[in-house]
């Protein structure tokens, strides 16, 4: 499925993708599977990711400010770095994110 011209699916290469304000939630099953996707440097500000499966995704340098990571969002095994920007009050370590 396409969002802003990007193919959104498991294992997708979404490096530097502009997905700000997009609804990629589990409520839209076509978008809910982003496991093993490369979201390095992606702009996910204010995106709805509630219930999205992001396990194993590369979130290095991604901007997730204001993103909805609630509900059943699965971040176990996702990889991030010191440049990944998280929503205020969100604890990526508790969510199972790996920092390398």
C-alpha atoms as a PDB file:
ATOM      1  CA  UNK A   1       0.000   0.000   0.000  1.00  0.00           C
ATOM      2  CA  UNK A   2       1.227   3.508  -0.720  1.00  0.00           C
ATOM      3  CA  UNK A   3       1.362   6.464   1.668  1.00  0.00           C
ATOM      4  CA  UNK A   4       2.743   9.770   0.385  1.00  0.00           C
ATOM      5  CA  UNK A   5       4.215   7.823  -2.542  1.00  0.00           C
ATOM      6  CA  UNK A   6       6.037   5.317  -0.287  1.00  0.00           C
ATOM      7  CA  UNK A   7       5.305   1.605  -0.328  1.00  0.00           C
ATOM      8  CA  UNK A   8       4.464   0.702   3.272  1.00  0.00           C
ATOM      9  CA  UNK A   9       4.879  -3.009   4.004  1.00  0.00           C
ATOM     10  CA  UNK A  10       7.037  -5.383   6.067  1.00  0.00           C
ATOM     11  CA  UNK A  11      10.719  -4.941   5.230  1.00  0.00           C
ATOM     12  CA  UNK A  12      10.077  -1.743   3.241  1.00  0.00           C
ATOM     13  CA  UNK A  13      12.911   0.716   2.690  1.00  0.00           C
ATOM     14  CA  UNK A  14      11.466   3.941   4.085  1.00  0.00           C
ATOM     15  CA  UNK A  15      14.785   5.682   4.665  1.00  0.00           C
ATOM     16  CA  UNK A  16      14.147   9.419   5.157  1.00  0.00           C
ATOM     17  CA  UNK A  17      10.447   8.933   4.336  1.00  0.00           C
ATOM     18  CA  UNK A  18       8.122  11.868   5.008  1.00  0.00           C
ATOM     19  CA  UNK A  19       5.294  10.246   6.952  1.00  0.00           C
ATOM     20  CA  UNK A  20       4.423  13.123   9.276  1.00  0.00           C
ATOM     21  CA  UNK A  21       0.769  13.180  10.413  1.00  0.00           C
ATOM     22  CA  UNK A  22      -0.011   9.886   8.618  1.00  0.00           C
ATOM     23  CA  UNK A  23      -2.313   7.207  10.039  1.00  0.00           C
ATOM     24  CA  UNK A  24      -0.277   3.999   9.996  1.00  0.00           C
ATOM     25  CA  UNK A  25      -2.191   2.466  12.875  1.00  0.00           C
ATOM     26  CA  UNK A  26      -3.384  -1.051  13.464  1.00  0.00           C
ATOM     27  CA  UNK A  27      -6.873   0.287  12.745  1.00  0.00           C
ATOM     28  CA  UNK A  28      -5.731   0.328   9.108  1.00  0.00           C
ATOM     29  CA  UNK A  29      -4.441  -3.263   8.783  1.00  0.00           C
ATOM     30  CA  UNK A  30      -2.808  -2.570   5.417  1.00  0.00           C
ATOM     31  CA  UNK A  31      -0.323  -0.258   7.170  1.00  0.00           C
ATOM     32  CA  UNK A  32       0.028  -2.041  10.504  1.00  0.00           C
ATOM     33  CA  UNK A  33       2.872  -4.327   9.473  1.00  0.00           C
ATOM     34  CA  UNK A  34       6.168  -2.464   9.413  1.00  0.00           C
ATOM     35  CA  UNK A  35       8.296  -5.164  10.995  1.00  0.00           C
ATOM     36  CA  UNK A  36      11.875  -5.161   9.752  1.00  0.00           C
ATOM     37  CA  UNK A  37      11.219  -1.915   7.843  1.00  0.00           C
ATOM     38  CA  UNK A  38      14.068   0.548   7.411  1.00  0.00           C
ATOM     39  CA  UNK A  39      12.754   3.837   8.832  1.00  0.00           C
ATOM     40  CA  UNK A  40      16.186   5.373   9.328  1.00  0.00           C
ATOM     41  CA  UNK A  41      15.869   9.159   9.344  1.00  0.00           C
ATOM     42  CA  UNK A  42      12.122   8.985   8.663  1.00  0.00           C
ATOM     43  CA  UNK A  43       9.881  11.864   9.698  1.00  0.00           C
ATOM     44  CA  UNK A  44       7.088  10.225  11.715  1.00  0.00           C
ATOM     45  CA  UNK A  45       6.144  13.332  13.691  1.00  0.00           C
ATOM     46  CA  UNK A  46       2.573  13.194  14.929  1.00  0.00           C
ATOM     47  CA  UNK A  47       1.970   9.931  13.020  1.00  0.00           C
ATOM     48  CA  UNK A  48      -0.582   7.497  14.396  1.00  0.00           C
ATOM     49  CA  UNK A  49       1.347   4.255  14.976  1.00  0.00           C
ATOM     50  CA  UNK A  50      -0.999   2.807  17.598  1.00  0.00           C
ATOM     51  CA  UNK A  51      -1.113  -0.965  17.221  1.00  0.00           C
ATOM     52  CA  UNK A  52       1.547  -1.015  14.497  1.00  0.00           C
ATOM     53  CA  UNK A  53       4.027  -3.893  14.442  1.00  0.00           C
ATOM     54  CA  UNK A  54       7.473  -2.270  14.332  1.00  0.00           C
ATOM     55  CA  UNK A  55       9.513  -5.127  15.774  1.00  0.00           C
ATOM     56  CA  UNK A  56      12.896  -5.400  14.148  1.00  0.00           C
ATOM     57  CA  UNK A  57      12.485  -2.009  12.430  1.00  0.00           C
ATOM     58  CA  UNK A  58      15.433   0.350  12.013  1.00  0.00           C
ATOM     59  CA  UNK A  59      14.461   3.604  13.746  1.00  0.00           C
ATOM     60  CA  UNK A  60      17.943   5.139  13.833  1.00  0.00           C
ATOM     61  CA  UNK A  61      17.629   8.898  13.504  1.00  0.00           C
ATOM     62  CA  UNK A  62      13.841   8.751  13.069  1.00  0.00           C
ATOM     63  CA  UNK A  63      11.760  11.661  14.370  1.00  0.00           C
ATOM     64  CA  UNK A  64       8.820  10.297  16.364  1.00  0.00           C
ATOM     65  CA  UNK A  65       7.915  13.492  18.238  1.00  0.00           C
ATOM     66  CA  UNK A  66       4.220  13.525  18.972  1.00  0.00           C
ATOM     67  CA  UNK A  67       3.708  10.072  17.414  1.00  0.00           C
ATOM     68  CA  UNK A  68       1.046   7.854  18.971  1.00  0.00           C
ATOM     69  CA  UNK A  69       2.876   4.719  20.106  1.00  0.00           C
ATOM     70  CA  UNK A  70       0.137   3.570  22.464  1.00  0.00           C
ATOM     71  CA  UNK A  71      -2.096   0.558  22.436  1.00  0.00           C
ATOM     72  CA  UNK A  72      -0.561  -2.572  21.001  1.00  0.00           C
ATOM     73  CA  UNK A  73       2.353  -0.911  19.188  1.00  0.00           C
ATOM     74  CA  UNK A  74       5.122  -3.518  19.131  1.00  0.00           C
ATOM     75  CA  UNK A  75       8.670  -2.109  19.219  1.00  0.00           C
ATOM     76  CA  UNK A  76      10.431  -5.202  20.561  1.00  0.00           C
ATOM     77  CA  UNK A  77      13.766  -5.605  18.831  1.00  0.00           C
ATOM     78  CA  UNK A  78      13.459  -2.329  16.933  1.00  0.00           C
ATOM     79  CA  UNK A  79      16.833  -0.587  16.688  1.00  0.00           C
ATOM     80  CA  UNK A  80      17.448   3.052  17.561  1.00  0.00           C
ATOM     81  CA  UNK A  81      20.332   5.354  18.325  1.00  0.00           C
ATOM     82  CA  UNK A  82      21.037   8.598  20.153  1.00  0.00           C
ATOM     83  CA  UNK A  83      19.602  10.527  17.200  1.00  0.00           C
ATOM     84  CA  UNK A  84      16.174   8.898  17.382  1.00  0.00           C
ATOM     85  CA  UNK A  85      13.669  11.419  18.761  1.00  0.00           C
ATOM     86  CA  UNK A  86      10.875   9.921  20.875  1.00  0.00           C
ATOM     87  CA  UNK A  87       7.502  11.293  21.994  1.00  0.00           C
ATOM     88  CA  UNK A  88       7.669  13.149  25.276  1.00  0.00           C
ATOM     89  CA  UNK A  89       7.433  10.754  28.214  1.00  0.00           C
ATOM     90  CA  UNK A  90       7.913   7.615  26.086  1.00  0.00           C
ATOM     91  CA  UNK A  91      10.442   5.067  27.384  1.00  0.00           C
ATOM     92  CA  UNK A  92      11.861   3.099  24.439  1.00  0.00           C
ATOM     93  CA  UNK A  93      13.867   0.763  26.702  1.00  0.00           C
ATOM     94  CA  UNK A  94      10.706  -0.398  28.467  1.00  0.00           C
ATOM     95  CA  UNK A  95       9.143  -0.909  25.010  1.00  0.00           C
ATOM     96  CA  UNK A  96      11.970  -3.290  24.084  1.00  0.00           C
ATOM     97  CA  UNK A  97      13.942  -1.050  21.716  1.00  0.00           C
ATOM     98  CA  UNK A  98      17.603  -1.958  21.226  1.00  0.00           C
ATOM     99  CA  UNK A  99      20.245   0.773  21.290  1.00  0.00           C
ATOM    100  CA  UNK A 100      23.573   0.064  19.592  1.00  0.00           C
END
